[in-house]
Amino acid sequence: MNKLLISGKPLMVIPELAVKIGFNEALMLQQIHYWVSSSTHIIEGKKWIYNTYKEWQNQLPFWSESTIMRTIRSLEKQGFLISANWNSSKMDKTKWYTINYQKVEELENAEMELSFGQNEVSNTSECTMEEGSLTKAIPESTSEITTEKNIIVDEVISYLNEKTNAVYKSRTPKNRKIIRARMREGFTLDDFKRVIDIKTEEWQHLPHLCKFLRPTTLFGTKFEAYLNQKVVQKSFRAEDFDLDD
């Protein structure tokens, strides 16, 4: 089987694949591959599976349905995922999916050619070294803990953008740092979403406050206070907010 895809149930990502096609796309493609491998639905010589966005969200609860939709569309656009409607009733819009394994294999071959070229360049110097020094430590893959943290950061920023029509980036160091700081304190994805919901409802339609619907304010030192805030009408004072960027 292709070296860029894993046969197994755990949610895992090959770092090389994530770098090439995107982290969300790599995780989604791996999940689809898991189900395609065991599928008994063979149509036109290919194995197919079918799922609604809601059913995918049940398997990947750290993502919203809109995130799953965007990720699947990205995979389709890049050519790694093929979708169709094989339902007996055309009124049934449930999408069927299969993987374009030829496209994945082309990506793997390109990766191998690049690696081979780099090895050819390095072999000249390595041949003059002692035999014992030719053994190099193999870099560790991204740990499951780090992967989970990255997923939560991505989902928090994605949810904030959906609720506020913003375009904050989950890869911005400041955003990642402040979200991870709250995670180290024990706060969960649901906690982040609750704070976003509470403050969006409270501030979004107030011109002098909506500008504070940003990661540095929402997820700063007042995060726990926002999380436990009672949803009631109140008057606002400047000292209620952490206005530092």
Protein backbone atom coordinates (compact mmCIF):
# COMPACT_ATOMS: atom_id res chain seq x y z
CA MET A 1 0.00 0.00 0.00
CA ASN A 2 1.08 3.56 -0.58
CA LYS A 3 3.67 4.75 1.97
CA LEU A 4 1.90 8.10 2.43
CA LEU A 5 -1.25 6.39 3.77
CA ILE A 6 -1.62 4.27 6.91
CA SER A 7 -3.72 1.13 7.32
CA GLY A 8 -5.19 1.51 10.79
CA LYS A 9 -7.97 3.11 12.83
CA PRO A 10 -6.13 5.82 14.89
CA LEU A 11 -6.26 9.35 13.55
CA MET A 12 -2.73 9.89 12.33
CA VAL A 13 -0.98 12.10 9.81
CA ILE A 14 2.17 11.49 7.81
CA PRO A 15 4.13 14.77 8.18
CA GLU A 16 5.35 14.64 4.55
CA LEU A 17 1.79 14.40 3.28
CA ALA A 18 0.59 17.24 5.55
CA VAL A 19 3.38 19.50 4.25
CA LYS A 20 2.41 18.77 0.65
CA ILE A 21 -1.39 19.05 0.76
CA GLY A 22 -2.22 20.69 4.12
CA PHE A 23 -2.73 19.33 7.63
CA ASN A 24 -6.53 19.14 7.55
CA GLU A 25 -6.48 17.62 4.08
CA ALA A 26 -3.93 14.96 5.10
CA LEU A 27 -5.96 13.95 8.16
CA MET A 28 -9.20 13.80 6.18
CA LEU A 29 -7.61 11.82 3.35
CA GLN A 30 -6.20 9.31 5.84
CA GLN A 31 -9.65 8.85 7.42
CA ILE A 32 -11.29 8.31 4.03
CA HIS A 33 -8.53 5.85 3.10
CA TYR A 34 -9.26 3.83 6.25
CA TRP A 35 -12.92 3.37 5.27
CA VAL A 36 -12.27 2.89 1.54
CA SER A 37 -9.83 0.07 2.30
CA SER A 38 -12.56 -2.02 3.97
CA SER A 39 -15.46 -0.97 1.72
CA THR A 40 -17.51 -3.58 -0.13
CA HIS A 41 -19.07 -1.01 -2.48
CA ILE A 42 -17.21 -1.56 -5.77
CA ILE A 43 -18.37 0.60 -8.67
CA GLU A 44 -16.56 0.90 -11.99
CA GLY A 45 -13.62 -1.03 -10.57
CA LYS A 46 -13.13 1.28 -7.57
CA LYS A 47 -14.07 1.00 -3.89
CA TRP A 48 -16.41 3.74 -2.72
CA ILE A 49 -17.80 4.97 0.60
CA TYR A 50 -20.55 7.43 1.39
CA ASN A 51 -21.13 9.84 4.27
CA THR A 52 -22.93 13.07 4.96
CA TYR A 53 -20.99 16.01 6.41
CA LYS A 54 -22.79 15.40 9.70
CA GLU A 55 -21.64 11.77 9.75
CA TRP A 56 -18.06 12.86 9.08
CA GLN A 57 -18.38 15.38 11.92
CA ASN A 58 -19.41 12.56 14.27
CA GLN A 59 -16.12 10.82 13.46
CA LEU A 60 -14.10 14.03 13.64
CA PRO A 61 -15.81 15.97 16.46
CA PHE A 62 -12.95 18.48 16.77
CA TRP A 63 -14.01 19.95 13.40
CA SER A 64 -17.21 21.79 12.49
CA GLU A 65 -19.26 20.66 9.49
CA SER A 66 -18.14 23.73 7.56
CA THR A 67 -14.47 22.87 8.20
CA ILE A 68 -15.09 19.34 6.92
CA MET A 69 -16.86 20.73 3.85
CA ARG A 70 -13.96 23.07 3.05
CA THR A 71 -11.42 20.28 3.57
CA ILE A 72 -13.24 17.85 1.28
CA ARG A 73 -13.62 20.51 -1.39
CA SER A 74 -9.89 21.23 -1.16
CA LEU A 75 -9.07 17.54 -1.65
CA GLU A 76 -11.42 17.40 -4.65
CA LYS A 77 -9.83 20.52 -6.14
CA GLN A 78 -6.32 19.12 -5.66
CA GLY A 79 -7.38 15.90 -7.37
CA PHE A 80 -6.78 13.52 -4.45
CA LEU A 81 -10.47 12.84 -3.79
CA ILE A 82 -13.11 11.78 -6.32
CA SER A 83 -16.78 12.26 -5.45
CA ALA A 84 -19.97 11.11 -7.17
CA ASN A 85 -23.64 10.34 -6.58
CA TRP A 86 -24.26 6.60 -6.81
CA ASN A 87 -27.52 6.69 -4.85
CA SER A 88 -30.47 4.79 -6.29
CA SER A 89 -32.57 7.93 -5.92
CA LYS A 90 -31.18 11.09 -7.46
CA MET A 91 -33.09 13.01 -4.79
CA ASP A 92 -30.63 11.58 -2.29
CA LYS A 93 -27.68 14.01 -2.32
CA THR A 94 -25.40 11.94 -0.06
CA LYS A 95 -21.93 12.08 -1.62
CA TRP A 96 -19.85 9.02 -2.38
CA TYR A 97 -16.06 9.19 -2.21
CA THR A 98 -13.03 7.32 -3.43
CA ILE A 99 -9.35 8.24 -3.43
CA ASN A 100 -7.34 8.96 -6.55
CA TYR A 101 -4.50 6.66 -5.54
CA GLN A 102 -2.64 7.39 -8.74
CA LYS A 103 -2.44 11.04 -7.73
CA VAL A 104 -1.17 10.09 -4.27
CA GLU A 105 1.40 7.75 -5.84
CA GLU A 106 2.63 10.55 -8.09
CA LEU A 107 3.09 12.71 -5.00
CA GLU A 108 5.01 9.93 -3.26
CA ASN A 109 7.24 9.35 -6.30
CA ALA A 110 8.06 13.06 -6.46
CA GLU A 111 8.97 12.95 -2.75
CA MET A 112 11.20 9.91 -3.30
CA GLU A 113 12.97 11.53 -6.26
CA LEU A 114 13.67 14.64 -4.18
CA SER A 115 14.99 12.51 -1.32
CA PHE A 116 17.16 10.48 -3.70
CA GLY A 117 18.65 13.64 -5.17
CA GLN A 118 19.50 14.96 -1.71
CA ASN A 119 21.13 11.65 -0.77
CA GLU A 120 23.25 11.71 -3.91
CA VAL A 121 24.60 15.13 -2.96
CA SER A 122 25.37 14.09 0.62
CA ASN A 123 26.98 10.71 -0.22
CA THR A 124 30.22 12.33 -1.41
CA SER A 125 31.03 13.71 2.02
CA GLU A 126 29.62 10.73 3.94
CA CYS A 127 31.96 8.25 2.20
CA THR A 128 34.99 9.84 3.87
CA MET A 129 33.55 9.41 7.36
CA GLU A 130 34.07 6.50 9.71
CA GLU A 131 31.51 3.71 9.41
CA GLY A 132 30.06 4.34 12.85
CA SER A 133 29.36 7.97 12.04
CA LEU A 134 27.19 7.11 9.03
CA THR A 135 24.28 6.14 11.26
CA LYS A 136 22.01 9.11 11.75
CA ALA A 137 19.19 9.53 14.19
CA ILE A 138 15.78 9.29 12.53
CA PRO A 139 13.70 12.39 13.30
CA GLU A 140 10.66 11.61 15.37
CA SER A 141 7.25 12.04 13.77
CA THR A 142 4.86 14.64 15.14
CA SER A 143 3.55 13.27 18.43
CA GLU A 144 -0.13 12.57 18.91
CA ILE A 145 -0.23 15.22 21.64
CA THR A 146 1.18 17.91 19.38
CA THR A 147 -1.17 16.85 16.59
CA GLU A 148 -4.17 17.13 18.90
CA LYS A 149 -3.09 20.61 20.06
CA ASN A 150 -2.70 21.79 16.47
CA ILE A 151 -6.15 20.47 15.62
CA ILE A 152 -7.72 22.36 18.54
CA VAL A 153 -5.93 25.60 17.63
CA ASP A 154 -7.10 25.27 14.02
CA GLU A 155 -10.68 24.59 15.09
CA VAL A 156 -10.78 27.47 17.59
CA ILE A 157 -9.63 30.00 14.98
CA SER A 158 -11.93 28.49 12.36
CA TYR A 159 -14.91 28.76 14.72
CA LEU A 160 -14.03 32.35 15.62
CA ASN A 161 -13.83 33.25 11.92
CA GLU A 162 -17.19 31.62 11.23
CA LYS A 163 -18.93 33.48 14.06
CA THR A 164 -17.38 36.89 13.33
CA ASN A 165 -16.71 36.77 9.57
CA ALA A 166 -13.02 37.36 10.31
CA VAL A 167 -9.92 35.89 8.67
CA TYR A 168 -7.58 35.21 11.59
CA LYS A 169 -4.83 32.66 10.87
CA SER A 170 -4.31 29.63 13.11
CA ARG A 171 -0.62 29.52 12.12
CA THR A 172 0.12 33.00 13.48
CA PRO A 173 2.58 32.50 16.39
CA LYS A 174 0.73 34.97 18.65
CA ASN A 175 -2.61 33.19 18.12
CA ARG A 176 -1.13 29.73 18.67
CA LYS A 177 0.73 30.86 21.80
CA ILE A 178 -2.29 32.41 23.51
CA ILE A 179 -4.61 29.46 22.75
CA ARG A 180 -2.05 26.90 23.91
CA ALA A 181 -1.54 28.89 27.11
CA ARG A 182 -5.23 28.42 27.95
CA MET A 183 -5.03 24.73 26.95
CA ARG A 184 -2.17 24.23 29.41
CA GLU A 185 -4.50 25.60 32.08
CA GLY A 186 -6.95 22.79 31.29
CA PHE A 187 -9.48 24.56 29.09
CA THR A 188 -11.10 22.52 26.30
CA LEU A 189 -12.34 23.15 22.77
CA ASP A 190 -15.89 23.47 24.10
CA ASP A 191 -14.67 26.16 26.52
CA PHE A 192 -13.19 28.18 23.67
CA LYS A 193 -16.39 27.87 21.65
CA ARG A 194 -18.50 28.94 24.63
CA VAL A 195 -16.41 32.09 25.16
CA ILE A 196 -16.67 32.89 21.44
CA ASP A 197 -20.44 32.40 21.54
CA ILE A 198 -20.91 34.51 24.67
CA LYS A 199 -18.77 37.45 23.58
CA THR A 200 -20.00 37.39 19.97
CA GLU A 201 -23.58 37.60 21.17
CA GLU A 202 -22.62 40.43 23.52
CA TRP A 203 -20.27 42.52 21.35
CA GLN A 204 -20.84 41.82 17.67
CA HIS A 205 -23.51 44.45 17.10
CA LEU A 206 -21.87 47.14 19.20
CA PRO A 207 -19.49 49.23 17.05
CA HIS A 208 -17.26 50.25 19.98
CA LEU A 209 -16.87 46.64 21.19
CA CYS A 210 -16.95 44.39 18.11
CA LYS A 211 -13.29 45.19 17.40
CA PHE A 212 -12.38 43.22 20.54
CA LEU A 213 -13.66 39.95 19.02
CA ARG A 214 -10.08 38.87 18.43
CA PRO A 215 -7.86 36.10 19.83
CA THR A 216 -5.70 38.38 21.98
CA THR A 217 -8.75 39.71 23.83
CA LEU A 218 -11.00 36.64 23.94
CA PHE A 219 -8.31 34.14 24.93
CA GLY A 220 -6.21 36.38 27.15
CA THR A 221 -5.97 36.52 30.94
CA LYS A 222 -9.73 37.17 31.32
CA PHE A 223 -10.66 33.97 29.48
CA GLU A 224 -11.92 32.17 32.60
CA ALA A 225 -14.02 35.17 33.60
CA TYR A 226 -15.58 35.28 30.13
CA LEU A 227 -16.23 31.53 30.29
CA ASN A 228 -18.13 31.85 33.58
CA GLN A 229 -19.93 35.02 32.61
CA LYS A 230 -23.67 35.02 33.14
CA VAL A 231 -25.47 36.01 29.98
CA VAL A 232 -27.29 39.11 31.18
CA GLN A 233 -27.66 42.66 29.94
CA LYS A 234 -25.15 45.00 31.57
CA SER A 235 -23.45 48.32 31.12
CA PHE A 236 -19.83 48.29 30.01
CA ARG A 237 -16.78 49.98 31.42
CA ALA A 238 -13.37 50.32 29.82
CA GLU A 239 -11.74 48.35 32.67
CA ASP A 240 -13.84 45.29 31.75
CA PHE A 241 -11.61 44.63 28.78
CA ASP A 242 -8.04 43.61 28.16
CA LEU A 243 -7.25 46.08 25.40
CA ASP A 244 -3.58 45.25 25.02
CA ASP A 245 -2.62 43.77 21.63
